Amino acid sequence: MIDFLKEQNIDNKLIDKVLEFRKNHQLDNKYINRIPSPHYKYYGKEVWEQSITAILQGSNILLSGPKATGKNVLSDNLAALFQRPTWNISFHVNTDSTNLIGTDTFKDNEVTFRPGPVYDVALNGGFGILDEVNMAKSDSVAVIHSLLDYRRIIDVPGYEKINLNDATRFIGTMNYGYAGTKELNEALISRFLVIDMPKASEETLKHILLTDFYLRENALDLFIRLFLDLQEKSMNSEISSKAIDIRGLIAAIGAMKIGLNIKSALQIGLVNKTFDLFEREIIQDVINSLFKNDLTREDIFKVL
């Protein structure tokens, strides 16, 4: 990751401070396997420098932006860079304080405390990834408040109060407009430094696609143009964000590599992600305008 940051022209002073952070916060070997090994890298000098600076000065960060802007990729990249174990905490309708902190359980004929992910993050200096934090229920938000403010404590009901490890950080991610999401209250937002994630660029998409596939230049340009065209239509409210799915595009290209024809692969990877027939027609029209019916596997992939 250090060499990658140098390639991205990240300030050398920041890199030196990251190395110092790693030196000063050694990790128990039993948590080594929780340090991510990211398959994809995040590209974006400004966002990298904002994120690194925030973490170094002790803040928690909120990555906010539309779908397919690399929020989870950046979260894993940051944990790998700082060499911290991660615990992923997804917020949904059933997530409450006991899921986060922990609860009593019966073990060896006695009642013991079973720690939750937030407890483990706090105690072991991990990075807690608060996924879709704007879906958190009030019960969960109350826990997050005490974690993120200057006190940096967890008060475990019926047990001890613990202080967060100096290396502990929380990284929240937030999409706009998903079903079940809500506006974050001011008290919660004030506990984060908020980073607005820019939409995927041509350069970023090129790096991502070439990570997995040896694509011919013309085919690479077509896939990038397809994604950017759909992204633009979503931003203009012509279609929803359901088809703006970089994972779906990568999976579709993978299906093409195995032998599925290009139109069928894009249909299951992108078109069918929406269940609105009118929207499907728009997406299919974009695909048809870019890709000829007689494109073959050899037209897409380089021969090694």
Protein backbone atom coordinates (compact mmCIF):
# COMPACT_ATOMS: atom_id res chain seq x y z
CA MET A 1 0.00 0.00 0.00
CA ILE A 2 2.88 2.40 0.72
CA ASP A 3 4.26 2.01 -2.80
CA PHE A 4 0.77 2.52 -4.20
CA LEU A 5 0.38 5.78 -2.26
CA LYS A 6 3.69 7.01 -3.64
CA GLU A 7 2.41 6.24 -7.14
CA GLN A 8 -0.65 8.37 -6.31
CA ASN A 9 1.66 11.25 -5.30
CA ILE A 10 0.40 11.30 -1.72
CA ASP A 11 2.28 13.75 0.49
CA ASN A 12 5.43 12.02 1.81
CA LYS A 13 4.92 13.58 5.24
CA LEU A 14 1.58 11.80 5.52
CA ILE A 15 3.17 8.50 4.48
CA ASP A 16 5.86 8.93 7.15
CA LYS A 17 3.18 9.56 9.78
CA VAL A 18 1.30 6.43 8.70
CA LEU A 19 4.48 4.39 9.18
CA GLU A 20 4.93 5.97 12.60
CA PHE A 21 1.32 5.11 13.50
CA ARG A 22 1.92 1.49 12.52
CA LYS A 23 5.10 1.37 14.58
CA ASN A 24 3.38 2.82 17.65
CA HIS A 25 0.33 0.55 17.48
CA GLN A 26 1.46 -3.04 17.37
CA LEU A 27 -1.19 -5.72 16.81
CA ASP A 28 -1.84 -9.01 18.57
CA ASN A 29 -0.99 -11.80 16.10
CA LYS A 30 -4.36 -13.47 16.59
CA TYR A 31 -6.00 -10.59 14.72
CA ILE A 32 -3.63 -10.55 11.74
CA ASN A 33 -6.18 -12.39 9.61
CA ARG A 34 -8.64 -9.52 10.15
CA ILE A 35 -6.40 -7.05 8.30
CA PRO A 36 -7.86 -6.76 4.78
CA SER A 37 -5.87 -7.66 1.67
CA PRO A 38 -7.78 -5.50 -0.84
CA HIS A 39 -8.22 -6.91 -4.33
CA TYR A 40 -8.96 -3.42 -5.68
CA LYS A 41 -7.18 -0.15 -4.96
CA TYR A 42 -8.91 3.18 -4.46
CA TYR A 43 -7.77 5.90 -6.87
CA GLY A 44 -8.12 9.53 -5.84
CA LYS A 45 -5.35 11.66 -4.32
CA GLU A 46 -7.58 14.20 -2.57
CA VAL A 47 -9.82 11.61 -0.91
CA TRP A 48 -6.78 9.59 0.17
CA GLU A 49 -5.14 12.60 1.82
CA GLN A 50 -8.37 13.67 3.52
CA SER A 51 -8.94 10.17 4.90
CA ILE A 52 -5.38 9.61 6.09
CA THR A 53 -5.22 13.00 7.78
CA ALA A 54 -8.53 12.43 9.56
CA ILE A 55 -7.43 9.06 10.92
CA LEU A 56 -3.99 10.30 11.99
CA GLN A 57 -5.48 13.14 14.02
CA GLY A 58 -7.84 10.77 15.81
CA SER A 59 -11.13 11.38 14.01
CA ASN A 60 -13.72 8.97 12.71
CA ILE A 61 -14.80 9.44 9.11
CA LEU A 62 -18.06 9.17 7.20
CA LEU A 63 -17.80 8.25 3.52
CA SER A 64 -20.86 9.70 1.88
CA GLY A 65 -21.90 9.42 -1.74
CA PRO A 66 -24.01 7.63 -4.34
CA LYS A 67 -23.67 4.01 -5.33
CA ALA A 68 -20.46 2.71 -6.95
CA THR A 69 -18.17 5.44 -5.60
CA GLY A 70 -15.79 3.04 -3.83
CA LYS A 71 -16.77 3.56 -0.19
CA ASN A 72 -16.16 -0.04 0.87
CA VAL A 73 -13.04 -0.30 -1.27
CA LEU A 74 -11.57 2.77 0.43
CA SER A 75 -12.52 1.43 3.87
CA ASP A 76 -10.58 -1.79 3.25
CA ASN A 77 -7.68 0.14 1.71
CA LEU A 78 -7.40 2.35 4.79
CA ALA A 79 -7.41 -0.61 7.17
CA ALA A 80 -4.74 -2.33 5.07
CA LEU A 81 -2.65 0.85 4.96
CA PHE A 82 -2.77 1.37 8.74
CA GLN A 83 -2.47 -2.39 9.35
CA ARG A 84 -5.56 -2.54 11.56
CA PRO A 85 -8.02 -5.43 11.91
CA THR A 86 -11.55 -4.69 10.74
CA TRP A 87 -14.97 -5.59 12.01
CA ASN A 88 -17.82 -4.95 9.57
CA ILE A 89 -21.01 -3.77 11.25
CA SER A 90 -24.04 -3.72 8.97
CA PHE A 91 -27.08 -1.78 10.12
CA HIS A 92 -30.47 -3.25 9.37
CA VAL A 93 -33.89 -3.54 10.97
CA ASN A 94 -32.71 -6.11 13.56
CA THR A 95 -29.47 -4.40 14.60
CA ASP A 96 -29.72 -3.14 18.18
CA SER A 97 -27.38 -2.30 21.06
CA THR A 98 -26.88 -5.95 22.07
CA ASN A 99 -25.82 -6.86 18.53
CA LEU A 100 -23.24 -4.08 18.67
CA ILE A 101 -21.87 -4.26 22.21
CA GLY A 102 -22.61 -7.85 23.18
CA THR A 103 -24.95 -9.80 25.37
CA ASP A 104 -25.10 -12.45 28.08
CA THR A 105 -24.78 -16.07 27.01
CA PHE A 106 -24.71 -19.40 28.80
CA LYS A 107 -21.37 -21.23 28.58
CA ASP A 108 -19.90 -24.04 30.72
CA ASN A 109 -22.86 -23.90 33.10
CA GLU A 110 -22.48 -20.21 33.82
CA VAL A 111 -23.58 -16.88 32.42
CA THR A 112 -20.79 -15.08 30.56
CA PHE A 113 -20.52 -12.02 28.37
CA ARG A 114 -20.35 -12.60 24.61
CA PRO A 115 -18.74 -9.50 23.09
CA GLY A 116 -20.18 -7.88 19.97
CA PRO A 117 -18.19 -6.34 17.12
CA VAL A 118 -18.14 -2.83 18.58
CA TYR A 119 -16.68 -4.17 21.84
CA ASP A 120 -13.96 -6.05 19.92
CA VAL A 121 -13.10 -3.00 17.81
CA ALA A 122 -12.85 -0.80 20.89
CA LEU A 123 -10.71 -3.19 22.89
CA ASN A 124 -8.31 -4.27 20.16
CA GLY A 125 -7.65 -1.05 18.28
CA GLY A 126 -9.50 -2.10 15.18
CA PHE A 127 -11.27 -0.20 12.47
CA GLY A 128 -15.03 -0.58 12.73
CA ILE A 129 -16.77 -0.29 9.36
CA LEU A 130 -20.25 1.08 10.03
CA ASP A 131 -21.93 0.01 6.81
CA GLU A 132 -25.05 1.98 5.80
CA VAL A 133 -24.96 3.95 9.04
CA ASN A 134 -27.98 5.99 7.94
CA MET A 135 -30.11 2.85 8.35
CA ALA A 136 -29.31 2.59 12.08
CA LYS A 137 -32.23 2.44 14.51
CA SER A 138 -32.42 4.84 17.46
CA ASP A 139 -31.21 2.10 19.83
CA SER A 140 -28.07 1.62 17.73
CA VAL A 141 -27.49 5.35 17.28
CA ALA A 142 -27.35 5.79 21.06
CA VAL A 143 -24.44 3.33 21.19
CA ILE A 144 -22.63 5.07 18.32
CA HIS A 145 -22.90 8.47 20.02
CA SER A 146 -20.83 7.45 23.04
CA LEU A 147 -18.30 5.64 20.86
CA LEU A 148 -17.60 8.54 18.56
CA ASP A 149 -17.44 11.53 20.87
CA TYR A 150 -14.45 12.82 22.82
CA ARG A 151 -15.06 10.41 25.75
CA ARG A 152 -14.27 7.33 23.61
CA ILE A 153 -15.89 4.89 26.01
CA ILE A 154 -18.31 1.97 25.99
CA ASP A 155 -20.49 1.47 29.02
CA VAL A 156 -21.39 -2.24 28.98
CA PRO A 157 -24.65 -2.72 30.91
CA GLY A 158 -24.04 -4.99 33.90
CA TYR A 159 -20.30 -5.06 33.27
CA GLU A 160 -17.41 -2.63 33.20
CA LYS A 161 -16.95 0.63 31.38
CA ILE A 162 -14.11 0.36 28.88
CA ASN A 163 -12.01 2.99 27.15
CA LEU A 164 -11.38 2.72 23.45
CA ASN A 165 -7.92 1.68 22.35
CA ASP A 166 -5.89 4.63 21.00
CA ALA A 167 -5.79 3.01 17.53
CA THR A 168 -9.56 2.45 17.32
CA ARG A 169 -11.34 4.30 14.51
CA PHE A 170 -14.78 4.03 13.00
CA ILE A 171 -15.47 4.46 9.28
CA GLY A 172 -19.11 5.02 8.39
CA THR A 173 -20.48 4.54 4.89
CA MET A 174 -23.70 6.08 3.64
CA ASN A 175 -25.59 5.86 0.34
CA TYR A 176 -28.23 8.34 -0.73
CA GLY A 177 -31.81 7.33 -1.31
CA TYR A 178 -31.75 3.64 -0.46
CA ALA A 179 -34.97 2.14 0.92
CA GLY A 180 -34.93 2.28 4.71
CA THR A 181 -32.39 5.09 4.96
CA LYS A 182 -32.98 8.31 6.85
CA GLU A 183 -31.31 11.64 7.50
CA LEU A 184 -28.57 11.49 10.11
CA ASN A 185 -29.15 13.78 13.06
CA GLU A 186 -26.76 16.66 13.70
CA ALA A 187 -25.35 15.10 16.86
CA LEU A 188 -24.21 12.04 14.94
CA ILE A 189 -22.85 13.92 11.94
CA SER A 190 -20.84 16.18 14.24
CA ARG A 191 -18.94 13.12 15.46
CA PHE A 192 -17.54 12.40 12.00
CA LEU A 193 -15.34 14.15 9.50
CA VAL A 194 -17.41 13.76 6.33
CA ILE A 195 -15.77 12.88 3.03
CA ASP A 196 -17.90 13.32 -0.07
CA MET A 197 -16.99 10.49 -2.44
CA PRO A 198 -16.79 11.57 -6.10
CA LYS A 199 -18.54 9.47 -8.73
CA ALA A 200 -16.50 6.88 -10.62
CA SER A 201 -14.24 8.38 -13.26
CA GLU A 202 -12.97 6.93 -16.53
CA GLU A 203 -9.50 6.44 -15.04
CA THR A 204 -10.85 4.65 -11.96
CA LEU A 205 -13.00 2.30 -14.03
CA LYS A 206 -10.06 1.50 -16.27
CA HIS A 207 -7.91 0.50 -13.29
CA ILE A 208 -10.70 -1.63 -11.81
CA LEU A 209 -11.50 -3.54 -14.99
CA LEU A 210 -7.85 -4.15 -15.86
CA THR A 211 -7.29 -5.59 -12.37
CA ASP A 212 -9.30 -8.68 -13.35
CA PHE A 213 -9.26 -8.86 -17.14
CA TYR A 214 -6.91 -8.52 -20.11
CA LEU A 215 -9.29 -6.49 -22.26
CA ARG A 216 -8.67 -5.16 -25.73
CA GLU A 217 -8.49 -1.38 -25.80
CA ASN A 218 -11.69 -0.94 -27.81
CA ALA A 219 -13.66 -3.31 -25.56
CA LEU A 220 -12.34 -1.57 -22.44
CA ASP A 221 -13.47 1.79 -23.81
CA LEU A 222 -16.94 0.40 -24.55
CA PHE A 223 -17.42 -1.01 -21.03
CA ILE A 224 -16.28 2.26 -19.47
CA ARG A 225 -18.55 4.29 -21.73
CA LEU A 226 -21.48 1.98 -20.88
CA PHE A 227 -21.01 2.46 -17.16
CA LEU A 228 -20.51 6.22 -17.44
CA ASP A 229 -23.58 6.59 -19.69
CA LEU A 230 -25.74 4.68 -17.21
CA GLN A 231 -24.25 6.66 -14.34
CA GLU A 232 -25.13 9.90 -16.09
CA LYS A 233 -28.69 8.75 -16.74
CA SER A 234 -29.04 7.85 -13.08
CA MET A 235 -27.71 11.24 -11.98
CA ASN A 236 -30.30 12.87 -14.31
CA SER A 237 -33.08 10.69 -12.81
CA GLU A 238 -33.76 8.93 -16.12
CA ILE A 239 -33.14 5.57 -14.43
CA SER A 240 -32.63 4.41 -10.85
CA SER A 241 -29.21 3.51 -9.45
CA LYS A 242 -29.93 -0.25 -9.53
CA ALA A 243 -28.02 -0.82 -12.76
CA ILE A 244 -25.10 1.37 -11.64
CA ASP A 245 -23.40 -1.72 -10.36
CA ILE A 246 -19.67 -2.13 -10.85
CA ARG A 247 -19.83 -5.60 -9.28
CA GLY A 248 -22.49 -6.53 -11.83
CA LEU A 249 -20.38 -5.24 -14.71
CA ILE A 250 -17.33 -7.18 -13.52
CA ALA A 251 -19.42 -10.35 -13.11
CA ALA A 252 -20.89 -9.86 -16.60
CA ILE A 253 -17.42 -9.57 -18.13
CA GLY A 254 -16.42 -12.69 -16.21
CA ALA A 255 -19.38 -14.52 -17.73
CA MET A 256 -18.27 -13.36 -21.19
CA LYS A 257 -14.81 -14.76 -20.49
CA ILE A 258 -16.32 -18.16 -19.74
CA GLY A 259 -18.30 -18.07 -22.99
CA LEU A 260 -21.66 -16.34 -22.51
CA ASN A 261 -22.48 -13.94 -25.34
CA ILE A 262 -22.06 -10.28 -24.56
CA LYS A 263 -25.72 -9.22 -24.65
CA SER A 264 -26.83 -12.07 -22.37
CA ALA A 265 -23.99 -11.39 -19.94
CA LEU A 266 -24.85 -7.69 -19.68
CA GLN A 267 -28.51 -8.57 -19.27
CA ILE A 268 -27.93 -10.66 -16.14
CA GLY A 269 -25.18 -8.35 -14.85
CA LEU A 270 -26.89 -4.98 -15.33
CA VAL A 271 -30.26 -4.94 -17.13
CA ASN A 272 -32.04 -7.40 -14.85
CA LYS A 273 -30.95 -5.53 -11.70
CA THR A 274 -34.03 -3.38 -12.16
CA PHE A 275 -37.56 -4.80 -12.27
CA ASP A 276 -39.12 -1.83 -14.02
CA LEU A 277 -39.76 -2.74 -17.67
CA PHE A 278 -39.44 0.84 -18.94
CA GLU A 279 -36.11 1.23 -17.14
CA ARG A 280 -34.88 -2.05 -18.56
CA GLU A 281 -35.65 -0.81 -22.05
CA ILE A 282 -33.56 2.33 -21.51
CA ILE A 283 -30.59 0.32 -20.23
CA GLN A 284 -30.90 -2.19 -23.06
CA ASP A 285 -31.00 0.64 -25.61
CA VAL A 286 -27.72 2.00 -24.25
CA ILE A 287 -26.16 -1.46 -24.53
CA ASN A 288 -27.46 -1.95 -28.06
CA SER A 289 -26.09 1.43 -29.14
CA LEU A 290 -22.58 0.50 -27.99
CA PHE A 291 -22.18 -3.23 -28.63
CA LYS A 292 -22.65 -4.97 -31.98
CA ASN A 293 -24.45 -8.29 -32.03
CA ASP A 294 -21.56 -10.05 -33.76
CA LEU A 295 -18.92 -9.21 -31.12
CA THR A 296 -16.99 -12.34 -30.15
CA ARG A 297 -14.95 -13.33 -27.14
CA GLU A 298 -11.80 -12.69 -29.19
CA ASP A 299 -12.98 -9.11 -29.83
CA ILE A 300 -13.14 -8.48 -26.08
CA PHE A 301 -10.20 -10.31 -24.51
CA LYS A 302 -6.53 -10.27 -25.38
CA VAL A 303 -4.97 -13.62 -26.12
CA LEU A 304 -2.22 -14.40 -23.62
